[in-house]
């Protein structure tokens, strides 16, 4: 792997971790709910937060399994035909998209909490 690829992966991972920590802090402090937060009793939005956690956790586990299988198949295909690199990266990227969909659902649920 090239140095630029590793730096790019590190940068994207850092941004995602910062986003997750920010969402966690917002969910725990209740600042994401806006003006309606004062009208609701504390802990009234636990179901939305639990749903967001389940959506993000489930999609990340699913993406991990998908990337494991597609990554192994892509490496096997690349060992025989190196010209398939572009197609292999697209397939592995589609599998990683599952985690992004779960993160979007989690953000929507936290926004409605």
Protein backbone atom coordinates (compact mmCIF):
# COMPACT_ATOMS: atom_id res chain seq x y z
CA UNK A 1 0.00 0.00 0.00
CA UNK A 2 1.17 3.47 -0.74
CA UNK A 3 1.78 6.09 1.89
CA UNK A 4 -0.98 8.32 0.48
CA UNK A 5 -3.54 5.54 0.71
CA UNK A 6 -2.66 4.90 4.35
CA UNK A 7 -2.85 8.61 5.14
CA UNK A 8 -6.22 8.85 3.42
CA UNK A 9 -7.60 5.90 5.35
CA UNK A 10 -6.26 7.39 8.59
CA UNK A 11 -7.83 10.77 7.79
CA UNK A 12 -11.24 9.28 6.98
CA UNK A 13 -11.14 7.10 10.09
CA UNK A 14 -10.25 10.09 12.25
CA UNK A 15 -13.15 12.11 10.87
CA UNK A 16 -15.57 9.25 11.47
CA UNK A 17 -14.36 8.78 15.06
CA UNK A 18 -14.71 12.51 15.75
CA UNK A 19 -18.22 12.45 14.26
CA UNK A 20 -19.19 9.48 16.42
CA UNK A 21 -17.85 11.14 19.58
CA UNK A 22 -19.67 14.38 18.72
CA UNK A 23 -22.94 12.51 18.18
CA UNK A 24 -22.47 10.66 21.46
CA UNK A 25 -21.86 13.89 23.37
CA UNK A 26 -24.87 15.53 21.71
CA UNK A 27 -27.07 12.54 22.53
CA UNK A 28 -25.95 12.43 26.16
CA UNK A 29 -26.29 16.14 26.79
CA UNK A 30 -29.53 16.53 24.84
CA UNK A 31 -28.37 19.51 22.77
CA UNK A 32 -29.47 17.90 19.51
CA UNK A 33 -33.16 18.00 20.45
CA UNK A 34 -33.39 21.80 20.29
CA UNK A 35 -36.12 23.81 22.02
CA UNK A 36 -38.33 20.77 22.67
CA UNK A 37 -35.74 19.32 25.05
CA UNK A 38 -36.93 21.54 27.91
CA UNK A 39 -40.52 20.32 27.55
CA UNK A 40 -39.59 16.63 27.67
CA UNK A 41 -38.62 14.87 30.87
CA UNK A 42 -35.08 13.54 31.11
CA UNK A 43 -34.71 10.14 29.50
CA UNK A 44 -37.81 10.43 27.33
CA UNK A 45 -35.82 9.87 24.15
CA UNK A 46 -34.12 6.65 25.21
CA UNK A 47 -35.93 4.57 22.58
CA UNK A 48 -34.67 6.73 19.70
CA UNK A 49 -31.13 6.62 21.06
CA UNK A 50 -31.32 2.85 21.49
CA UNK A 51 -32.63 2.52 17.93
CA UNK A 52 -29.77 4.66 16.66
CA UNK A 53 -27.25 2.53 18.53
CA UNK A 54 -28.72 -0.68 17.16
CA UNK A 55 -28.80 0.71 13.60
CA UNK A 56 -25.17 1.83 13.72
CA UNK A 57 -23.91 -1.32 15.46
CA UNK A 58 -25.81 -3.67 13.17
CA UNK A 59 -24.73 -1.92 10.01
CA UNK A 60 -21.10 -1.86 11.11
CA UNK A 61 -21.14 -5.58 11.89
CA UNK A 62 -22.81 -6.28 8.56
CA UNK A 63 -20.30 -4.12 6.72
CA UNK A 64 -17.44 -5.87 8.47
CA UNK A 65 -18.68 -9.28 7.38
CA UNK A 66 -19.31 -8.04 3.84
CA UNK A 67 -15.86 -6.46 3.55
CA UNK A 68 -14.24 -9.62 4.91
CA UNK A 69 -15.79 -11.80 2.22
CA UNK A 70 -15.52 -9.38 -0.67
CA UNK A 71 -12.00 -8.34 0.31
CA UNK A 72 -10.83 -11.95 0.39
CA UNK A 73 -12.46 -12.64 -2.97
CA UNK A 74 -10.99 -9.46 -4.44
CA UNK A 75 -7.49 -10.38 -3.32
CA UNK A 76 -7.89 -13.85 -4.78
CA UNK A 77 -9.04 -12.38 -8.09
CA UNK A 78 -6.20 -9.82 -8.09
CA UNK A 79 -3.60 -12.52 -7.57
CA UNK A 80 -4.65 -14.09 -10.86
CA UNK A 81 -5.65 -10.98 -12.86
CA UNK A 82 -4.14 -7.71 -11.57
CA UNK A 83 -6.07 -5.65 -14.12
CA UNK A 84 -9.25 -6.19 -12.05
CA UNK A 85 -8.05 -3.78 -9.33
CA UNK A 86 -10.57 -1.05 -10.15
CA UNK A 87 -13.53 -3.41 -10.13
CA UNK A 88 -12.38 -5.04 -6.91
CA UNK A 89 -12.09 -1.69 -5.12
CA UNK A 90 -15.60 -0.72 -6.25
CA UNK A 91 -17.07 -3.97 -4.91
CA UNK A 92 -15.33 -3.60 -1.54
CA UNK A 93 -16.42 0.06 -1.42
CA UNK A 94 -20.05 -0.93 -1.97
CA UNK A 95 -19.79 -3.31 0.95
CA UNK A 96 -18.44 -0.49 3.13
CA UNK A 97 -21.42 1.63 2.14
CA UNK A 98 -23.60 -0.49 4.41
CA UNK A 99 -21.97 1.10 7.45
CA UNK A 100 -22.54 4.59 6.07
CA UNK A 101 -26.25 3.86 5.59
CA UNK A 102 -26.51 2.76 9.22
CA UNK A 103 -24.70 5.92 10.34
CA UNK A 104 -27.15 8.07 8.37
CA UNK A 105 -30.11 6.30 10.00
CA UNK A 106 -28.49 6.82 13.41
CA UNK A 107 -28.08 10.53 12.75
CA UNK A 108 -31.71 10.81 11.66
CA UNK A 109 -32.92 9.02 14.79
CA UNK A 110 -30.78 11.15 17.09
CA UNK A 111 -32.06 14.27 15.37
CA UNK A 112 -35.66 13.24 16.09
CA UNK A 113 -34.95 12.23 19.71
